[in-house]
Amino acid sequence: MKRRVLISVLLLLVIAAGVPLLELWIKCQRPASEACVWAKAYLPLSVGIGAVIGVFAAALAWFILGAGKGK
């Protein structure tokens, strides 16, 4: 049970925060580039979309990890 929770929460955090921040870091290697400006502008939207996708991924991981256990 604890393993299921830990994996689901970590998956949620990686998708919700890690992916948008990684994209920002990659695109802002040159801070004056147009890609960096757009990445900064869309960061709140990217985090929000990442959170929604992360919730679905975490729920899927929760059910997959619990599927092998008999009730």
N, C-alpha and C. Protein backbone atom coordinates (compact mmCIF):
# COMPACT_ATOMS: atom_id res chain seq x y z
N MET A 1 0.82 -1.19 0.00
CA MET A 1 0.00 0.00 0.00
C MET A 1 0.87 1.26 0.00
N LYS A 2 1.88 1.29 0.85
CA LYS A 2 2.75 2.47 0.91
C LYS A 2 3.52 2.65 -0.39
N ARG A 3 3.93 1.54 -1.00
CA ARG A 3 4.66 1.61 -2.26
C ARG A 3 3.78 2.18 -3.36
N ARG A 4 2.50 1.77 -3.37
CA ARG A 4 1.55 2.28 -4.35
C ARG A 4 1.39 3.79 -4.23
N VAL A 5 1.26 4.26 -3.01
CA VAL A 5 1.07 5.68 -2.77
C VAL A 5 2.31 6.45 -3.19
N LEU A 6 3.47 5.97 -2.78
CA LEU A 6 4.73 6.64 -3.10
C LEU A 6 4.95 6.74 -4.61
N ILE A 7 4.76 5.66 -5.33
CA ILE A 7 4.96 5.66 -6.77
C ILE A 7 3.96 6.58 -7.45
N SER A 8 2.72 6.55 -7.03
CA SER A 8 1.69 7.40 -7.63
C SER A 8 1.97 8.88 -7.40
N VAL A 9 2.36 9.23 -6.19
CA VAL A 9 2.65 10.63 -5.88
C VAL A 9 3.89 11.11 -6.63
N LEU A 10 4.91 10.29 -6.68
CA LEU A 10 6.12 10.67 -7.41
C LEU A 10 5.84 10.85 -8.90
N LEU A 11 5.03 9.98 -9.46
CA LEU A 11 4.66 10.10 -10.86
C LEU A 11 3.88 11.39 -11.11
N LEU A 12 2.98 11.72 -10.21
CA LEU A 12 2.22 12.96 -10.32
C LEU A 12 3.14 14.17 -10.27
N LEU A 13 4.08 14.19 -9.34
CA LEU A 13 4.99 15.33 -9.21
C LEU A 13 5.93 15.48 -10.40
N VAL A 14 6.42 14.36 -10.90
CA VAL A 14 7.33 14.42 -12.05
C VAL A 14 6.61 14.95 -13.27
N ILE A 15 5.40 14.47 -13.51
CA ILE A 15 4.67 14.93 -14.69
C ILE A 15 4.18 16.36 -14.52
N ALA A 16 3.64 16.69 -13.35
CA ALA A 16 3.05 18.01 -13.14
C ALA A 16 4.09 19.13 -13.08
N ALA A 17 5.20 18.91 -12.43
CA ALA A 17 6.18 19.98 -12.25
C ALA A 17 7.47 19.73 -13.03
N GLY A 18 7.91 18.50 -13.06
CA GLY A 18 9.20 18.20 -13.67
C GLY A 18 9.25 18.41 -15.17
N VAL A 19 8.22 17.97 -15.87
CA VAL A 19 8.23 18.08 -17.33
C VAL A 19 8.20 19.55 -17.78
N PRO A 20 7.30 20.40 -17.25
CA PRO A 20 7.33 21.80 -17.68
C PRO A 20 8.64 22.52 -17.31
N LEU A 21 9.17 22.23 -16.13
CA LEU A 21 10.43 22.87 -15.75
C LEU A 21 11.61 22.39 -16.58
N LEU A 22 11.60 21.12 -16.96
CA LEU A 22 12.64 20.60 -17.84
C LEU A 22 12.55 21.26 -19.21
N GLU A 23 11.34 21.41 -19.71
CA GLU A 23 11.15 22.09 -20.99
C GLU A 23 11.65 23.53 -20.92
N LEU A 24 11.35 24.21 -19.84
CA LEU A 24 11.82 25.59 -19.66
C LEU A 24 13.34 25.64 -19.60
N TRP A 25 13.94 24.72 -18.90
CA TRP A 25 15.40 24.68 -18.78
C TRP A 25 16.05 24.44 -20.15
N ILE A 26 15.47 23.53 -20.92
CA ILE A 26 16.03 23.23 -22.25
C ILE A 26 15.90 24.42 -23.18
N LYS A 27 14.73 25.05 -23.19
CA LYS A 27 14.49 26.15 -24.12
C LYS A 27 15.19 27.43 -23.71
N CYS A 28 15.54 27.57 -22.45
CA CYS A 28 16.17 28.81 -21.99
C CYS A 28 17.68 28.69 -21.86
N GLN A 29 18.28 27.82 -22.65
CA GLN A 29 19.74 27.78 -22.69
C GLN A 29 20.27 29.12 -23.21
N ARG A 30 19.50 29.73 -24.13
CA ARG A 30 19.75 31.10 -24.58
C ARG A 30 18.57 31.94 -24.11
N PRO A 31 18.72 32.69 -23.02
CA PRO A 31 17.59 33.38 -22.40
C PRO A 31 16.88 34.39 -23.31
N ALA A 32 17.56 34.91 -24.30
CA ALA A 32 16.93 35.91 -25.17
C ALA A 32 16.20 35.28 -26.35
N SER A 33 16.20 33.96 -26.45
CA SER A 33 15.58 33.32 -27.60
C SER A 33 14.06 33.39 -27.51
N GLU A 34 13.43 33.33 -28.67
CA GLU A 34 11.97 33.38 -28.72
C GLU A 34 11.35 32.15 -28.03
N ALA A 35 12.01 31.00 -28.16
CA ALA A 35 11.51 29.79 -27.51
C ALA A 35 11.48 29.95 -25.99
N CYS A 36 12.47 30.61 -25.43
CA CYS A 36 12.52 30.83 -23.99
C CYS A 36 11.40 31.77 -23.55
N VAL A 37 11.16 32.82 -24.32
CA VAL A 37 10.10 33.77 -23.99
C VAL A 37 8.75 33.07 -23.99
N TRP A 38 8.49 32.24 -25.01
CA TRP A 38 7.22 31.51 -25.09
C TRP A 38 7.11 30.47 -23.99
N ALA A 39 8.20 29.81 -23.66
CA ALA A 39 8.17 28.81 -22.60
C ALA A 39 7.85 29.47 -21.25
N LYS A 40 8.40 30.63 -21.00
CA LYS A 40 8.09 31.35 -19.76
C LYS A 40 6.64 31.81 -19.73
N ALA A 41 6.14 32.25 -20.89
CA ALA A 41 4.77 32.73 -20.95
C ALA A 41 3.77 31.60 -20.71
N TYR A 42 4.07 30.43 -21.22
CA TYR A 42 3.15 29.31 -21.11
C TYR A 42 3.43 28.39 -19.92
N LEU A 43 4.35 28.75 -19.05
CA LEU A 43 4.69 27.90 -17.91
C LEU A 43 3.49 27.62 -17.00
N PRO A 44 2.69 28.62 -16.61
CA PRO A 44 1.53 28.29 -15.76
C PRO A 44 0.54 27.34 -16.45
N LEU A 45 0.33 27.53 -17.73
CA LEU A 45 -0.56 26.65 -18.47
C LEU A 45 0.03 25.24 -18.56
N SER A 46 1.34 25.15 -18.79
CA SER A 46 2.00 23.84 -18.87
C SER A 46 1.93 23.09 -17.55
N VAL A 47 2.09 23.80 -16.44
CA VAL A 47 2.00 23.15 -15.13
C VAL A 47 0.57 22.68 -14.87
N GLY A 48 -0.41 23.49 -15.26
CA GLY A 48 -1.81 23.09 -15.08
C GLY A 48 -2.18 21.87 -15.90
N ILE A 49 -1.77 21.87 -17.16
CA ILE A 49 -2.04 20.71 -18.02
C ILE A 49 -1.26 19.50 -17.52
N GLY A 50 -0.02 19.72 -17.08
CA GLY A 50 0.77 18.63 -16.53
C GLY A 50 0.13 18.03 -15.28
N ALA A 51 -0.50 18.88 -14.47
CA ALA A 51 -1.17 18.38 -13.26
C ALA A 51 -2.35 17.50 -13.62
N VAL A 52 -3.12 17.91 -14.63
CA VAL A 52 -4.27 17.10 -15.06
C VAL A 52 -3.79 15.76 -15.61
N ILE A 53 -2.79 15.79 -16.47
CA ILE A 53 -2.25 14.55 -17.04
C ILE A 53 -1.61 13.71 -15.93
N GLY A 54 -0.94 14.37 -15.00
CA GLY A 54 -0.31 13.66 -13.88
C GLY A 54 -1.31 12.95 -12.99
N VAL A 55 -2.47 13.56 -12.77
CA VAL A 55 -3.50 12.92 -11.96
C VAL A 55 -3.98 11.64 -12.63
N PHE A 56 -4.21 11.70 -13.94
CA PHE A 56 -4.64 10.50 -14.66
C PHE A 56 -3.56 9.42 -14.65
N ALA A 57 -2.30 9.83 -14.83
CA ALA A 57 -1.19 8.87 -14.81
C ALA A 57 -1.03 8.25 -13.42
N ALA A 58 -1.17 9.07 -12.38
CA ALA A 58 -1.05 8.56 -11.00
C ALA A 58 -2.19 7.59 -10.68
N ALA A 59 -3.41 7.92 -11.13
CA ALA A 59 -4.54 7.01 -10.90
C ALA A 59 -4.34 5.70 -11.65
N LEU A 60 -3.84 5.78 -12.87
CA LEU A 60 -3.56 4.57 -13.65
C LEU A 60 -2.49 3.72 -12.95
N ALA A 61 -1.43 4.36 -12.47
CA ALA A 61 -0.38 3.63 -11.76
C ALA A 61 -0.93 3.01 -10.48
N TRP A 62 -1.79 3.73 -9.78
CA TRP A 62 -2.41 3.22 -8.55
C TRP A 62 -3.17 1.93 -8.83
N PHE A 63 -3.98 1.93 -9.89
CA PHE A 63 -4.78 0.75 -10.20
C PHE A 63 -3.94 -0.39 -10.76
N ILE A 64 -2.93 -0.08 -11.55
CA ILE A 64 -2.06 -1.12 -12.10
C ILE A 64 -1.26 -1.80 -10.99
N LEU A 65 -0.74 -1.00 -10.08
CA LEU A 65 0.05 -1.58 -8.98
C LEU A 65 -0.82 -2.37 -8.00
N GLY A 66 -2.09 -2.04 -7.93
CA GLY A 66 -2.99 -2.76 -7.02
C GLY A 66 -3.71 -3.92 -7.68
N ALA A 67 -3.59 -4.05 -9.00
CA ALA A 67 -4.32 -5.08 -9.73
C ALA A 67 -3.80 -6.48 -9.42
N GLY A 68 -2.54 -6.62 -9.07
CA GLY A 68 -1.96 -7.92 -8.83
C GLY A 68 -2.33 -8.53 -7.48
N LYS A 69 -2.94 -7.73 -6.63
CA LYS A 69 -3.28 -8.21 -5.29
C LYS A 69 -4.72 -8.71 -5.26
N GLY A 70 -4.92 -9.84 -4.68
CA GLY A 70 -6.26 -10.37 -4.52
C GLY A 70 -7.00 -9.69 -3.38
N LYS A 71 -8.31 -9.64 -3.50
CA LYS A 71 -9.08 -8.97 -2.45
C LYS A 71 -9.80 -9.94 -1.58
